[in-house]
Protein backbone atom coordinates (compact mmCIF):
# COMPACT_ATOMS: atom_id res chain seq x y z
CA MET A 1 -1.90 53.93 -4.33
CA THR A 2 -0.46 56.99 -5.76
CA GLN A 3 -2.22 59.25 -2.95
CA ALA A 4 -1.09 56.77 -0.25
CA ARG A 5 2.65 56.92 -1.73
CA GLN A 6 2.44 60.81 -1.58
CA LEU A 7 1.05 60.75 2.03
CA TYR A 8 3.87 58.27 2.85
CA TYR A 9 6.40 60.61 1.48
CA GLN A 10 4.87 63.64 3.37
CA ALA A 11 4.99 61.68 6.66
CA GLN A 12 8.76 60.70 6.13
CA LYS A 13 9.57 64.47 5.31
CA ALA A 14 7.80 65.41 8.51
CA GLY A 15 9.51 62.69 10.65
CA GLU A 16 6.08 60.95 11.31
CA VAL A 17 5.17 57.34 11.09
CA PHE A 18 2.76 56.55 8.16
CA ASP A 19 -0.26 54.33 8.96
CA ALA A 20 -2.12 53.55 5.78
CA ALA A 21 -5.16 52.52 7.92
CA GLU A 22 -5.42 55.74 9.46
CA PHE A 23 -6.49 57.20 5.95
CA GLY A 24 -8.72 54.38 5.13
CA PHE A 25 -6.48 52.51 2.95
CA GLU A 26 -7.16 48.71 2.82
CA PHE A 27 -3.53 47.89 1.93
CA SER A 28 -0.67 47.89 4.45
CA THR A 29 2.01 50.51 5.10
CA GLU A 30 4.55 47.81 3.87
CA ASP A 31 2.60 47.69 0.43
CA VAL A 32 3.09 51.55 0.22
CA GLU A 33 6.59 51.39 0.95
CA ARG A 34 7.16 48.62 -1.75
CA HIS A 35 5.17 50.79 -4.21
CA ALA A 36 7.15 53.86 -3.39
CA ALA A 37 10.36 51.94 -3.88
CA GLU A 38 9.32 50.61 -7.30
CA VAL A 39 8.19 54.07 -8.40
CA SER A 40 11.65 55.51 -7.32
CA LYS A 41 13.32 52.76 -9.14
CA LYS A 42 11.30 53.43 -12.31
CA MET A 43 12.00 57.11 -12.14
CA ALA A 44 15.74 56.42 -11.61
CA ILE A 45 15.82 54.17 -14.85
CA TYR A 46 13.73 56.89 -16.80
CA ASN A 47 16.23 59.67 -15.79
CA HIS A 48 19.15 57.43 -16.36
CA THR A 49 20.46 57.72 -12.68
CA TYR A 50 19.53 54.18 -11.61
CA TYR A 51 23.22 53.12 -11.38
CA ASP A 52 24.22 56.35 -9.65
CA LYS A 53 21.62 55.79 -6.95
CA LYS A 54 22.24 52.21 -6.69
CA TRP A 55 25.96 52.59 -6.02
CA ALA A 56 25.51 55.52 -3.71
CA ALA A 57 23.48 53.34 -1.43
């Protein structure tokens, strides 16, 4: 899932659509998006920036 998340971020940065199946992953792009959001949330909590990011949205 970590590799899929990294590829997802690369696709976003390049303005491309990420397709998990294209890389042979058996989980969906939506699964990768949920995982990426969860990792971002955990990082924000760890870095004490969770509420900064939450209210900026």
